[in-house]
Amino acid sequence: MPHTWKHPAGRLRLAPVLLAALLTACAVPTPMRVDAPTDTAVRAAPAAPAGPSSSPPAPSGVVAVPDPTAAETPPGGDPLAVPSSSAELIDKGLASWYGNRFHGRRTASGERYDMHDFTAAHKTLPFGTKVRVRSVQTGKEVVVRINDRGPYKHKRIIDLSQAAITALGVRHRGVSVVELLRE
């Protein structure tokens, strides 16, 4: 019995169909969110089923991403809203902190970092500048002295020492919404 040879182009007819199916499956992106303490991207969990008083459900294939600042919203307001005394407000945004890993190392100002001092890193404020930092979550305030440069992570406005973040009561959060005020 003679062997019949099949042309490989016969298999290529299936390739465009598979490619189209793959592209269609990838056309609806899965939303990503940034995990505050580690800044690693994680897939967002699917939204809970809509109840009778909630907003209409998202279109099929779209996953609702919870607002990362929703838990930080104080009663009756947006966590990034300007406070009533905006004349003293320098900036508002995310603050992170650094501790043991940098303790004893030289800062950009030349002094040694002490995690037990009330110091901070800021991108532009002059060294030696004192600013009042207010936690939006707790309402607590601390005065810190700028002695280093940073933070270098996206959307963060200040890196606080371990002592400062502990005094604000938000050390466990890793990243927290704060207001920088003139001292």
C-alpha atoms as a PDB file:
ATOM      1  CA  MET A   1       0.000   0.000   0.000  1.00  0.00           C
ATOM      2  CA  PRO A   2       1.556   3.299  -1.042  1.00  0.00           C
ATOM      3  CA  HIS A   3       2.082   5.995   1.563  1.00  0.00           C
ATOM      4  CA  THR A   4       0.181   9.204   0.851  1.00  0.00           C
ATOM      5  CA  TRP A   5       2.005  12.378   1.685  1.00  0.00           C
ATOM      6  CA  LYS A   6      -0.016  15.284   3.131  1.00  0.00           C
ATOM      7  CA  HIS A   7       1.121  18.811   2.527  1.00  0.00           C
ATOM      8  CA  PRO A   8       1.992  20.731   5.759  1.00  0.00           C
ATOM      9  CA  ALA A   9      -0.102  23.678   4.533  1.00  0.00           C
ATOM     10  CA  GLY A  10      -3.178  21.633   5.430  1.00  0.00           C
ATOM     11  CA  ARG A  11      -2.253  22.066   9.090  1.00  0.00           C
ATOM     12  CA  LEU A  12      -1.752  25.788   8.645  1.00  0.00           C
ATOM     13  CA  ARG A  13      -5.468  26.288   7.988  1.00  0.00           C
ATOM     14  CA  LEU A  14      -6.077  25.742  11.687  1.00  0.00           C
ATOM     15  CA  ALA A  15      -3.430  28.289  12.763  1.00  0.00           C
ATOM     16  CA  PRO A  16      -5.449  31.467  11.951  1.00  0.00           C
ATOM     17  CA  VAL A  17      -8.439  30.087  13.844  1.00  0.00           C
ATOM     18  CA  LEU A  18      -6.310  29.319  16.913  1.00  0.00           C
ATOM     19  CA  LEU A  19      -4.604  32.701  16.717  1.00  0.00           C
ATOM     20  CA  ALA A  20      -7.963  34.495  16.511  1.00  0.00           C
ATOM     21  CA  ALA A  21      -9.259  32.542  19.523  1.00  0.00           C
ATOM     22  CA  LEU A  22      -6.144  33.371  21.524  1.00  0.00           C
ATOM     23  CA  LEU A  23      -6.325  37.079  20.686  1.00  0.00           C
ATOM     24  CA  THR A  24     -10.017  37.196  21.550  1.00  0.00           C
ATOM     25  CA  ALA A  25      -9.333  35.619  24.930  1.00  0.00           C
ATOM     26  CA  CYS A  26      -6.604  38.192  25.607  1.00  0.00           C
ATOM     27  CA  ALA A  27      -8.668  41.170  24.438  1.00  0.00           C
ATOM     28  CA  VAL A  28     -10.312  41.677  27.839  1.00  0.00           C
ATOM     29  CA  PRO A  29      -7.488  42.491  30.280  1.00  0.00           C
ATOM     30  CA  THR A  30      -7.700  41.437  33.876  1.00  0.00           C
ATOM     31  CA  PRO A  31      -7.307  44.554  36.063  1.00  0.00           C
ATOM     32  CA  MET A  32      -4.195  44.717  38.203  1.00  0.00           C
ATOM     33  CA  ARG A  33      -3.733  46.486  41.500  1.00  0.00           C
ATOM     34  CA  VAL A  34      -0.630  47.285  43.442  1.00  0.00           C
ATOM     35  CA  ASP A  35      -0.326  45.787  46.874  1.00  0.00           C
ATOM     36  CA  ALA A  36       0.655  48.632  49.156  1.00  0.00           C
ATOM     37  CA  PRO A  37       3.392  47.129  51.367  1.00  0.00           C
ATOM     38  CA  THR A  38       5.298  45.284  48.655  1.00  0.00           C
ATOM     39  CA  ASP A  39       4.427  47.095  45.412  1.00  0.00           C
ATOM     40  CA  THR A  40       3.988  43.811  43.580  1.00  0.00           C
ATOM     41  CA  ALA A  41       1.187  43.453  41.087  1.00  0.00           C
ATOM     42  CA  VAL A  42      -1.538  41.015  42.101  1.00  0.00           C
ATOM     43  CA  ARG A  43      -4.659  39.929  40.250  1.00  0.00           C
ATOM     44  CA  ALA A  44      -7.730  41.618  41.665  1.00  0.00           C
ATOM     45  CA  ALA A  45     -10.406  39.438  43.177  1.00  0.00           C
ATOM     46  CA  PRO A  46     -13.746  39.228  41.363  1.00  0.00           C
ATOM     47  CA  ALA A  47     -16.369  41.631  42.609  1.00  0.00           C
ATOM     48  CA  ALA A  48     -19.070  40.362  44.946  1.00  0.00           C
ATOM     49  CA  PRO A  49     -22.465  39.685  43.364  1.00  0.00           C
ATOM     50  CA  ALA A  50     -24.585  42.798  43.085  1.00  0.00           C
ATOM     51  CA  GLY A  51     -27.314  43.205  45.667  1.00  0.00           C
ATOM     52  CA  PRO A  52     -30.657  44.897  45.130  1.00  0.00           C
ATOM     53  CA  SER A  53     -29.393  48.350  46.257  1.00  0.00           C
ATOM     54  CA  SER A  54     -25.966  48.257  44.618  1.00  0.00           C
ATOM     55  CA  SER A  55     -24.877  49.617  41.259  1.00  0.00           C
ATOM     56  CA  PRO A  56     -25.533  47.633  38.081  1.00  0.00           C
ATOM     57  CA  PRO A  57     -23.181  44.701  37.481  1.00  0.00           C
ATOM     58  CA  ALA A  58     -20.085  45.148  35.318  1.00  0.00           C
ATOM     59  CA  PRO A  59     -20.235  43.870  31.736  1.00  0.00           C
ATOM     60  CA  SER A  60     -19.331  40.219  31.245  1.00  0.00           C
ATOM     61  CA  GLY A  61     -15.587  39.581  31.378  1.00  0.00           C
ATOM     62  CA  VAL A  62     -14.816  42.790  33.317  1.00  0.00           C
ATOM     63  CA  VAL A  63     -13.689  42.472  36.914  1.00  0.00           C
ATOM     64  CA  ALA A  64     -14.339  45.386  39.257  1.00  0.00           C
ATOM     65  CA  VAL A  65     -11.215  46.494  41.122  1.00  0.00           C
ATOM     66  CA  PRO A  66     -11.806  47.824  44.620  1.00  0.00           C
ATOM     67  CA  ASP A  67     -10.494  51.346  45.309  1.00  0.00           C
ATOM     68  CA  PRO A  68      -7.267  50.910  47.353  1.00  0.00           C
ATOM     69  CA  THR A  69      -8.013  54.101  49.288  1.00  0.00           C
ATOM     70  CA  ALA A  70     -11.594  53.116  50.126  1.00  0.00           C
ATOM     71  CA  ALA A  71     -10.609  51.652  53.499  1.00  0.00           C
ATOM     72  CA  GLU A  72      -8.612  54.825  54.220  1.00  0.00           C
ATOM     73  CA  THR A  73     -11.459  57.236  53.523  1.00  0.00           C
ATOM     74  CA  PRO A  74     -12.355  59.186  56.654  1.00  0.00           C
ATOM     75  CA  PRO A  75     -16.055  59.606  57.447  1.00  0.00           C
ATOM     76  CA  GLY A  76     -17.595  62.118  55.072  1.00  0.00           C
ATOM     77  CA  GLY A  77     -14.725  62.677  52.688  1.00  0.00           C
ATOM     78  CA  ASP A  78     -12.109  61.793  50.152  1.00  0.00           C
ATOM     79  CA  PRO A  79      -8.723  60.875  51.704  1.00  0.00           C
ATOM     80  CA  LEU A  80      -6.940  63.071  49.149  1.00  0.00           C
ATOM     81  CA  ALA A  81      -9.209  66.104  49.590  1.00  0.00           C
ATOM     82  CA  VAL A  82      -7.512  69.347  50.627  1.00  0.00           C
ATOM     83  CA  PRO A  83      -7.948  70.126  54.354  1.00  0.00           C
ATOM     84  CA  SER A  84      -9.718  73.277  55.509  1.00  0.00           C
ATOM     85  CA  SER A  85      -6.426  75.052  56.288  1.00  0.00           C
ATOM     86  CA  SER A  86      -4.945  74.644  52.800  1.00  0.00           C
ATOM     87  CA  ALA A  87      -2.590  77.615  53.330  1.00  0.00           C
ATOM     88  CA  GLU A  88      -0.250  75.389  55.338  1.00  0.00           C
ATOM     89  CA  LEU A  89      -0.578  72.311  53.081  1.00  0.00           C
ATOM     90  CA  ILE A  90       2.606  71.417  51.175  1.00  0.00           C
ATOM     91  CA  ASP A  91       1.536  68.115  49.651  1.00  0.00           C
ATOM     92  CA  LYS A  92      -0.751  65.158  50.132  1.00  0.00           C
ATOM     93  CA  GLY A  93      -0.134  61.568  49.083  1.00  0.00           C
ATOM     94  CA  LEU A  94       1.430  58.273  50.059  1.00  0.00           C
ATOM     95  CA  ALA A  95       4.119  57.908  52.710  1.00  0.00           C
ATOM     96  CA  SER A  96       6.291  54.860  53.259  1.00  0.00           C
ATOM     97  CA  TRP A  97       8.969  54.204  55.868  1.00  0.00           C
ATOM     98  CA  TYR A  98      12.384  52.670  56.284  1.00  0.00           C
ATOM     99  CA  GLY A  99      14.051  51.161  59.342  1.00  0.00           C
ATOM    100  CA  ASN A 100      16.648  48.501  60.246  1.00  0.00           C
ATOM    101  CA  ARG A 101      17.973  47.957  56.738  1.00  0.00           C
ATOM    102  CA  PHE A 102      19.216  51.561  56.466  1.00  0.00           C
ATOM    103  CA  HIS A 103      20.050  52.214  60.143  1.00  0.00           C
ATOM    104  CA  GLY A 104      23.566  53.657  60.391  1.00  0.00           C
ATOM    105  CA  ARG A 105      24.003  54.262  56.659  1.00  0.00           C
ATOM    106  CA  ARG A 106      24.821  57.696  55.277  1.00  0.00           C
ATOM    107  CA  THR A 107      21.892  59.755  53.999  1.00  0.00           C
ATOM    108  CA  ALA A 108      22.014  62.131  51.039  1.00  0.00           C
ATOM    109  CA  SER A 109      22.716  64.993  53.469  1.00  0.00           C
ATOM    110  CA  GLY A 110      25.820  63.179  54.740  1.00  0.00           C
ATOM    111  CA  GLU A 111      24.554  62.348  58.209  1.00  0.00           C
ATOM    112  CA  ARG A 112      23.946  58.799  59.393  1.00  0.00           C
ATOM    113  CA  TYR A 113      20.363  57.548  59.344  1.00  0.00           C
ATOM    114  CA  ASP A 114      18.954  56.797  62.796  1.00  0.00           C
ATOM    115  CA  MET A 115      15.652  54.944  62.694  1.00  0.00           C
ATOM    116  CA  HIS A 116      14.855  56.264  66.205  1.00  0.00           C
ATOM    117  CA  ASP A 117      15.013  59.950  65.132  1.00  0.00           C
ATOM    118  CA  PHE A 118      12.095  61.831  63.611  1.00  0.00           C
ATOM    119  CA  THR A 119      13.577  62.270  60.124  1.00  0.00           C
ATOM    120  CA  ALA A 120      12.369  61.792  56.568  1.00  0.00           C
ATOM    121  CA  ALA A 121      13.377  61.637  52.909  1.00  0.00           C
ATOM    122  CA  HIS A 122      11.785  64.021  50.395  1.00  0.00           C
ATOM    123  CA  LYS A 123      12.577  64.567  46.708  1.00  0.00           C
ATOM    124  CA  THR A 124      12.814  68.382  46.685  1.00  0.00           C
ATOM    125  CA  LEU A 125      12.548  69.976  50.142  1.00  0.00           C
ATOM    126  CA  PRO A 126      15.895  71.372  51.385  1.00  0.00           C
ATOM    127  CA  PHE A 127      17.849  69.398  53.992  1.00  0.00           C
ATOM    128  CA  GLY A 128      17.055  70.574  57.506  1.00  0.00           C
ATOM    129  CA  THR A 129      13.488  71.600  56.613  1.00  0.00           C
ATOM    130  CA  LYS A 130      10.994  70.605  59.285  1.00  0.00           C
ATOM    131  CA  VAL A 131       7.541  69.511  58.170  1.00  0.00           C
ATOM    132  CA  ARG A 132       4.497  68.350  60.060  1.00  0.00           C
ATOM    133  CA  VAL A 133       3.172  65.020  58.785  1.00  0.00           C
ATOM    134  CA  ARG A 134      -0.486  64.207  59.499  1.00  0.00           C
ATOM    135  CA  SER A 135      -1.908  60.723  59.000  1.00  0.00           C
ATOM    136  CA  VAL A 136      -5.257  60.813  57.227  1.00  0.00           C
ATOM    137  CA  GLN A 137      -6.201  57.473  58.829  1.00  0.00           C
ATOM    138  CA  THR A 138      -5.421  58.279  62.468  1.00  0.00           C
ATOM    139  CA  GLY A 139      -5.316  62.095  62.529  1.00  0.00           C
ATOM    140  CA  LYS A 140      -2.020  61.949  64.472  1.00  0.00           C
ATOM    141  CA  GLU A 141       0.795  64.324  63.580  1.00  0.00           C
ATOM    142  CA  VAL A 142       4.596  64.306  63.917  1.00  0.00           C
ATOM    143  CA  VAL A 143       7.268  66.849  63.035  1.00  0.00           C
ATOM    144  CA  VAL A 144      10.153  65.429  60.993  1.00  0.00           C
ATOM    145  CA  ARG A 145      13.380  66.914  59.659  1.00  0.00           C
ATOM    146  CA  ILE A 146      14.311  66.270  56.017  1.00  0.00           C
ATOM    147  CA  ASN A 147      17.772  64.663  55.870  1.00  0.00           C
ATOM    148  CA  ASP A 148      17.595  62.355  52.840  1.00  0.00           C
ATOM    149  CA  ARG A 149      16.326  62.138  49.259  1.00  0.00           C
ATOM    150  CA  GLY A 150      13.522  59.906  48.084  1.00  0.00           C
ATOM    151  CA  PRO A 151      11.163  58.136  47.930  1.00  0.00           C
ATOM    152  CA  TYR A 152      11.818  56.570  44.571  1.00  0.00           C
ATOM    153  CA  LYS A 153       8.615  54.518  44.325  1.00  0.00           C
ATOM    154  CA  HIS A 154       5.807  55.817  42.121  1.00  0.00           C
ATOM    155  CA  LYS A 155       3.210  58.085  43.773  1.00  0.00           C
ATOM    156  CA  ARG A 156       4.980  58.303  47.147  1.00  0.00           C
ATOM    157  CA  ILE A 157       5.739  61.769  48.472  1.00  0.00           C
ATOM    158  CA  ILE A 158       7.794  61.050  51.607  1.00  0.00           C
ATOM    159  CA  ASP A 159       9.756  58.260  53.300  1.00  0.00           C
ATOM    160  CA  LEU A 160       9.499  58.472  57.085  1.00  0.00           C
ATOM    161  CA  SER A 161      11.822  57.050  59.723  1.00  0.00           C
ATOM    162  CA  GLN A 162      10.597  54.088  61.736  1.00  0.00           C
ATOM    163  CA  ALA A 163      10.072  56.328  64.795  1.00  0.00           C
ATOM    164  CA  ALA A 164       7.913  58.775  62.814  1.00  0.00           C
ATOM    165  CA  ILE A 165       5.686  56.151  61.203  1.00  0.00           C
ATOM    166  CA  THR A 166       5.254  54.386  64.560  1.00  0.00           C
ATOM    167  CA  ALA A 167       4.209  57.669  66.210  1.00  0.00           C
ATOM    168  CA  LEU A 168       1.590  58.157  63.477  1.00  0.00           C
ATOM    169  CA  GLY A 169       0.160  54.728  64.332  1.00  0.00           C
ATOM    170  CA  VAL A 170       0.280  53.361  60.780  1.00  0.00           C
ATOM    171  CA  ARG A 171       3.544  51.366  60.738  1.00  0.00           C
ATOM    172  CA  HIS A 172       1.662  48.106  60.164  1.00  0.00           C
ATOM    173  CA  ARG A 173       0.224  49.473  56.896  1.00  0.00           C
ATOM    174  CA  GLY A 174       3.558  49.891  55.103  1.00  0.00           C
ATOM    175  CA  VAL A 175       2.176  52.733  52.961  1.00  0.00           C
ATOM    176  CA  SER A 176      -0.258  55.315  54.266  1.00  0.00           C
ATOM    177  CA  VAL A 177      -2.001  58.497  53.061  1.00  0.00           C
ATOM    178  CA  VAL A 178      -0.523  61.600  54.734  1.00  0.00           C
ATOM    179  CA  GLU A 179      -0.594  65.384  54.500  1.00  0.00           C
ATOM    180  CA  LEU A 180       2.642  67.397  54.619  1.00  0.00           C
ATOM    181  CA  LEU A 181       2.118  70.705  56.393  1.00  0.00           C
ATOM    182  CA  ARG A 182       4.391  73.709  56.972  1.00  0.00           C
ATOM    183  CA  GLU A 183       5.968  73.753  60.406  1.00  0.00           C
END
